């Protein structure tokens, strides 16, 4: 994908470099300077610390009960051993569920990150558009991570032409 993007950029540069004005921005660098982004990150870090602390308590409780079980399992009756093993399995399952609920793909961290960072990202995107228009740029790319379009003049949108060809 990166090679295809590079070839596309190279083609644009070689083929029509005199006609197009292209810019790029390192959004990570800009975000590090934005106080809104720093505040949002502090909120997220506080949540993460709180959840990590709770997770540590749960893991500590599990370890304590497991160690106790390991010390006493030889003297426990079969019924008591099975009972404690079920309890340990449940505790371990609870830890995994908690971890998934907080830090998993669709967990609270992901949702909070989206909620807290969305206004910051919108502000950054608007700033980029303003600069692009002031500098009369045709395209703006983000060089942080994968190369993405952040801005393109409407006149270069060929979506409707593609849709017509589709018909």
C-alpha atoms as a PDB file:
ATOM      1  CA  UNK A   1       0.000   0.000   0.000  1.00  0.00           C
ATOM      2  CA  UNK A   2       2.801   2.409   0.874  1.00  0.00           C
ATOM      3  CA  UNK A   3       4.533   1.586  -2.411  1.00  0.00           C
ATOM      4  CA  UNK A   4       1.312   2.342  -4.310  1.00  0.00           C
ATOM      5  CA  UNK A   5       0.945   5.626  -2.456  1.00  0.00           C
ATOM      6  CA  UNK A   6       4.570   6.498  -3.194  1.00  0.00           C
ATOM      7  CA  UNK A   7       4.077   5.724  -6.895  1.00  0.00           C
ATOM      8  CA  UNK A   8       0.934   7.849  -6.944  1.00  0.00           C
ATOM      9  CA  UNK A   9       2.802  10.760  -5.371  1.00  0.00           C
ATOM     10  CA  UNK A  10       5.720  10.292  -7.729  1.00  0.00           C
ATOM     11  CA  UNK A  11       3.354  10.287 -10.705  1.00  0.00           C
ATOM     12  CA  UNK A  12       1.706  13.460  -9.459  1.00  0.00           C
ATOM     13  CA  UNK A  13       5.068  15.108  -8.957  1.00  0.00           C
ATOM     14  CA  UNK A  14       6.557  14.103 -12.312  1.00  0.00           C
ATOM     15  CA  UNK A  15       3.422  14.445 -14.410  1.00  0.00           C
ATOM     16  CA  UNK A  16       1.946  17.698 -13.192  1.00  0.00           C
ATOM     17  CA  UNK A  17       4.288  19.167 -10.596  1.00  0.00           C
ATOM     18  CA  UNK A  18       4.170  22.604 -12.169  1.00  0.00           C
ATOM     19  CA  UNK A  19       0.381  22.688 -11.961  1.00  0.00           C
ATOM     20  CA  UNK A  20      -0.351  21.274  -8.512  1.00  0.00           C
ATOM     21  CA  UNK A  21       0.582  22.591  -5.097  1.00  0.00           C
ATOM     22  CA  UNK A  22       0.980  19.797  -2.572  1.00  0.00           C
ATOM     23  CA  UNK A  23       1.710  20.149   1.124  1.00  0.00           C
ATOM     24  CA  UNK A  24       2.067  17.805   4.045  1.00  0.00           C
ATOM     25  CA  UNK A  25       1.744  18.063   7.780  1.00  0.00           C
ATOM     26  CA  UNK A  26       3.051  15.937  10.626  1.00  0.00           C
ATOM     27  CA  UNK A  27      -0.135  15.787  12.676  1.00  0.00           C
ATOM     28  CA  UNK A  28       1.608  14.025  15.584  1.00  0.00           C
ATOM     29  CA  UNK A  29       3.923  17.011  16.022  1.00  0.00           C
ATOM     30  CA  UNK A  30       1.010  19.459  15.893  1.00  0.00           C
ATOM     31  CA  UNK A  31      -1.067  17.400  18.340  1.00  0.00           C
ATOM     32  CA  UNK A  32       1.828  17.394  20.819  1.00  0.00           C
ATOM     33  CA  UNK A  33       1.731  21.204  20.799  1.00  0.00           C
ATOM     34  CA  UNK A  34      -2.059  21.543  21.164  1.00  0.00           C
ATOM     35  CA  UNK A  35      -3.116  22.166  24.772  1.00  0.00           C
ATOM     36  CA  UNK A  36      -6.533  20.612  24.000  1.00  0.00           C
ATOM     37  CA  UNK A  37      -4.792  17.388  22.983  1.00  0.00           C
ATOM     38  CA  UNK A  38      -2.594  17.445  26.081  1.00  0.00           C
ATOM     39  CA  UNK A  39      -5.670  17.926  28.311  1.00  0.00           C
ATOM     40  CA  UNK A  40      -7.501  15.120  26.536  1.00  0.00           C
ATOM     41  CA  UNK A  41      -4.497  12.826  26.967  1.00  0.00           C
ATOM     42  CA  UNK A  42      -4.345  13.656  30.690  1.00  0.00           C
ATOM     43  CA  UNK A  43      -7.999  12.652  31.053  1.00  0.00           C
ATOM     44  CA  UNK A  44      -7.355   9.389  29.250  1.00  0.00           C
ATOM     45  CA  UNK A  45      -4.210   8.713  31.298  1.00  0.00           C
ATOM     46  CA  UNK A  46      -6.177   9.255  34.542  1.00  0.00           C
ATOM     47  CA  UNK A  47      -8.782   6.724  33.407  1.00  0.00           C
ATOM     48  CA  UNK A  48      -6.093   4.252  32.392  1.00  0.00           C
ATOM     49  CA  UNK A  49      -4.357   4.630  35.768  1.00  0.00           C
ATOM     50  CA  UNK A  50      -7.652   4.069  37.602  1.00  0.00           C
ATOM     51  CA  UNK A  51      -8.438   0.943  35.573  1.00  0.00           C
ATOM     52  CA  UNK A  52      -4.878  -0.380  35.879  1.00  0.00           C
ATOM     53  CA  UNK A  53      -5.074   0.045  39.648  1.00  0.00           C
ATOM     54  CA  UNK A  54      -8.342  -1.899  39.784  1.00  0.00           C
ATOM     55  CA  UNK A  55      -6.880  -4.580  37.534  1.00  0.00           C
ATOM     56  CA  UNK A  56      -3.814  -4.839  39.771  1.00  0.00           C
ATOM     57  CA  UNK A  57      -6.046  -5.313  42.818  1.00  0.00           C
ATOM     58  CA  UNK A  58      -7.956  -8.074  41.062  1.00  0.00           C
ATOM     59  CA  UNK A  59      -4.752  -9.789  39.935  1.00  0.00           C
ATOM     60  CA  UNK A  60      -3.255  -9.468  43.425  1.00  0.00           C
ATOM     61  CA  UNK A  61      -6.366 -11.033  44.975  1.00  0.00           C
ATOM     62  CA  UNK A  62      -6.206 -13.871  42.441  1.00  0.00           C
ATOM     63  CA  UNK A  63      -2.509 -14.478  43.104  1.00  0.00           C
ATOM     64  CA  UNK A  64      -3.050 -14.494  46.863  1.00  0.00           C
ATOM     65  CA  UNK A  65      -5.895 -17.017  46.593  1.00  0.00           C
ATOM     66  CA  UNK A  66      -3.980 -19.125  44.091  1.00  0.00           C
ATOM     67  CA  UNK A  67      -0.845 -19.210  46.252  1.00  0.00           C
ATOM     68  CA  UNK A  68      -2.943 -20.127  49.280  1.00  0.00           C
ATOM     69  CA  UNK A  69      -4.609 -22.887  47.286  1.00  0.00           C
ATOM     70  CA  UNK A  70      -1.262 -24.248  46.072  1.00  0.00           C
ATOM     71  CA  UNK A  71       0.014 -24.429  49.663  1.00  0.00           C
ATOM     72  CA  UNK A  72      -3.064 -26.226  50.968  1.00  0.00           C
ATOM     73  CA  UNK A  73      -4.264 -28.323  48.035  1.00  0.00           C
ATOM     74  CA  UNK A  74      -2.689 -31.564  49.340  1.00  0.00           C
ATOM     75  CA  UNK A  75      -4.586 -31.383  52.601  1.00  0.00           C
ATOM     76  CA  UNK A  76      -7.927 -30.252  51.129  1.00  0.00           C
ATOM     77  CA  UNK A  77     -10.742 -32.640  50.422  1.00  0.00           C
ATOM     78  CA  UNK A  78     -11.600 -33.319  46.779  1.00  0.00           C
ATOM     79  CA  UNK A  79     -14.841 -31.350  47.108  1.00  0.00           C
ATOM     80  CA  UNK A  80     -13.095 -28.318  48.654  1.00  0.00           C
ATOM     81  CA  UNK A  81     -10.353 -28.438  45.994  1.00  0.00           C
ATOM     82  CA  UNK A  82     -12.932 -28.426  43.175  1.00  0.00           C
ATOM     83  CA  UNK A  83     -14.773 -25.589  44.891  1.00  0.00           C
ATOM     84  CA  UNK A  84     -11.639 -23.439  45.179  1.00  0.00           C
ATOM     85  CA  UNK A  85     -10.558 -24.253  41.613  1.00  0.00           C
ATOM     86  CA  UNK A  86     -13.959 -23.077  40.332  1.00  0.00           C
ATOM     87  CA  UNK A  87     -13.573 -19.900  42.349  1.00  0.00           C
ATOM     88  CA  UNK A  88     -10.090 -19.333  40.911  1.00  0.00           C
ATOM     89  CA  UNK A  89     -11.345 -19.931  37.370  1.00  0.00           C
ATOM     90  CA  UNK A  90     -14.166 -17.438  37.963  1.00  0.00           C
ATOM     91  CA  UNK A  91     -11.718 -14.838  39.330  1.00  0.00           C
ATOM     92  CA  UNK A  92      -9.451 -15.312  36.329  1.00  0.00           C
ATOM     93  CA  UNK A  93     -12.436 -15.016  34.013  1.00  0.00           C
ATOM     94  CA  UNK A  94     -13.539 -11.821  35.801  1.00  0.00           C
ATOM     95  CA  UNK A  95     -10.056 -10.348  35.341  1.00  0.00           C
ATOM     96  CA  UNK A  96     -10.105 -11.142  31.621  1.00  0.00           C
ATOM     97  CA  UNK A  97     -13.613  -9.703  31.223  1.00  0.00           C
ATOM     98  CA  UNK A  98     -12.611  -6.527  33.047  1.00  0.00           C
ATOM     99  CA  UNK A  99      -9.474  -6.161  30.934  1.00  0.00           C
ATOM    100  CA  UNK A 100     -11.494  -6.668  27.743  1.00  0.00           C
ATOM    101  CA  UNK A 101     -14.257  -4.276  28.864  1.00  0.00           C
ATOM    102  CA  UNK A 102     -11.768  -1.513  29.624  1.00  0.00           C
ATOM    103  CA  UNK A 103      -8.906  -2.058  27.186  1.00  0.00           C
ATOM    104  CA  UNK A 104     -10.353  -4.306  24.466  1.00  0.00           C
ATOM    105  CA  UNK A 105     -11.082  -3.341  20.873  1.00  0.00           C
ATOM    106  CA  UNK A 106     -14.564  -2.045  21.708  1.00  0.00           C
ATOM    107  CA  UNK A 107     -13.753  -1.273  25.325  1.00  0.00           C
ATOM    108  CA  UNK A 108     -14.272   1.879  27.322  1.00  0.00           C
ATOM    109  CA  UNK A 109     -10.786   3.192  26.543  1.00  0.00           C
ATOM    110  CA  UNK A 110     -11.478   3.062  22.811  1.00  0.00           C
ATOM    111  CA  UNK A 111     -14.863   4.784  23.267  1.00  0.00           C
ATOM    112  CA  UNK A 112     -13.474   7.436  25.606  1.00  0.00           C
ATOM    113  CA  UNK A 113     -10.502   8.035  23.342  1.00  0.00           C
ATOM    114  CA  UNK A 114     -12.830   8.621  20.424  1.00  0.00           C
ATOM    115  CA  UNK A 115     -15.113  10.883  22.470  1.00  0.00           C
ATOM    116  CA  UNK A 116     -12.329  12.949  24.015  1.00  0.00           C
ATOM    117  CA  UNK A 117     -10.107  13.193  20.930  1.00  0.00           C
ATOM    118  CA  UNK A 118     -12.819  13.870  18.323  1.00  0.00           C
ATOM    119  CA  UNK A 119     -13.094  17.626  19.098  1.00  0.00           C
ATOM    120  CA  UNK A 120      -9.282  17.914  19.096  1.00  0.00           C
ATOM    121  CA  UNK A 121      -9.023  16.112  15.755  1.00  0.00           C
ATOM    122  CA  UNK A 122     -11.784  18.304  14.298  1.00  0.00           C
ATOM    123  CA  UNK A 123      -9.950  21.429  15.452  1.00  0.00           C
ATOM    124  CA  UNK A 124      -6.711  20.166  13.878  1.00  0.00           C
ATOM    125  CA  UNK A 125      -8.500  19.249  10.651  1.00  0.00           C
ATOM    126  CA  UNK A 126     -10.076  22.745  10.458  1.00  0.00           C
ATOM    127  CA  UNK A 127      -6.680  24.374  11.047  1.00  0.00           C
ATOM    128  CA  UNK A 128      -5.160  22.283   8.253  1.00  0.00           C
ATOM    129  CA  UNK A 129      -7.974  23.255   5.880  1.00  0.00           C
ATOM    130  CA  UNK A 130      -7.514  26.942   6.722  1.00  0.00           C
ATOM    131  CA  UNK A 131      -3.771  26.801   6.021  1.00  0.00           C
ATOM    132  CA  UNK A 132      -4.351  24.799   2.827  1.00  0.00           C
ATOM    133  CA  UNK A 133      -6.787  27.415   1.522  1.00  0.00           C
ATOM    134  CA  UNK A 134      -4.548  30.325   2.557  1.00  0.00           C
ATOM    135  CA  UNK A 135      -1.571  28.712   0.804  1.00  0.00           C
ATOM    136  CA  UNK A 136      -3.735  27.746  -2.196  1.00  0.00           C
ATOM    137  CA  UNK A 137      -2.720  24.089  -1.894  1.00  0.00           C
ATOM    138  CA  UNK A 138      -4.438  21.456  -4.005  1.00  0.00           C
ATOM    139  CA  UNK A 139      -3.676  18.500  -1.706  1.00  0.00           C
ATOM    140  CA  UNK A 140      -2.416  18.079   1.852  1.00  0.00           C
ATOM    141  CA  UNK A 141      -1.101  14.764   3.182  1.00  0.00           C
ATOM    142  CA  UNK A 142      -0.414  13.624   6.729  1.00  0.00           C
ATOM    143  CA  UNK A 143       3.022  12.085   7.079  1.00  0.00           C
ATOM    144  CA  UNK A 144       2.353  10.702  10.568  1.00  0.00           C
ATOM    145  CA  UNK A 145       1.917   6.973  10.111  1.00  0.00           C
ATOM    146  CA  UNK A 146       0.235   5.993   6.863  1.00  0.00           C
ATOM    147  CA  UNK A 147       0.015   8.781   4.319  1.00  0.00           C
ATOM    148  CA  UNK A 148      -3.540  10.144   4.294  1.00  0.00           C
ATOM    149  CA  UNK A 149      -5.297  12.885   2.425  1.00  0.00           C
ATOM    150  CA  UNK A 150      -6.279  15.633   4.829  1.00  0.00           C
ATOM    151  CA  UNK A 151      -7.401  18.121   2.233  1.00  0.00           C
ATOM    152  CA  UNK A 152      -8.203  18.121  -1.466  1.00  0.00           C
ATOM    153  CA  UNK A 153      -9.831  20.758  -3.627  1.00  0.00           C
ATOM    154  CA  UNK A 154     -13.322  19.798  -4.708  1.00  0.00           C
ATOM    155  CA  UNK A 155     -12.396  20.193  -8.372  1.00  0.00           C
ATOM    156  CA  UNK A 156     -10.276  17.027  -8.152  1.00  0.00           C
ATOM    157  CA  UNK A 157     -13.163  14.861  -6.895  1.00  0.00           C
ATOM    158  CA  UNK A 158     -14.037  12.389  -9.660  1.00  0.00           C
ATOM    159  CA  UNK A 159     -16.573  10.360  -7.668  1.00  0.00           C
ATOM    160  CA  UNK A 160     -19.505  11.393  -9.866  1.00  0.00           C
ATOM    161  CA  UNK A 161     -17.585  10.582 -13.050  1.00  0.00           C
ATOM    162  CA  UNK A 162     -16.804   7.107 -11.711  1.00  0.00           C
ATOM    163  CA  UNK A 163     -20.462   6.632 -10.763  1.00  0.00           C
ATOM    164  CA  UNK A 164     -21.512   7.642 -14.286  1.00  0.00           C
ATOM    165  CA  UNK A 165     -19.105   5.109 -15.798  1.00  0.00           C
ATOM    166  CA  UNK A 166     -20.543   2.490 -13.456  1.00  0.00           C
ATOM    167  CA  UNK A 167     -23.996   3.032 -14.963  1.00  0.00           C
END
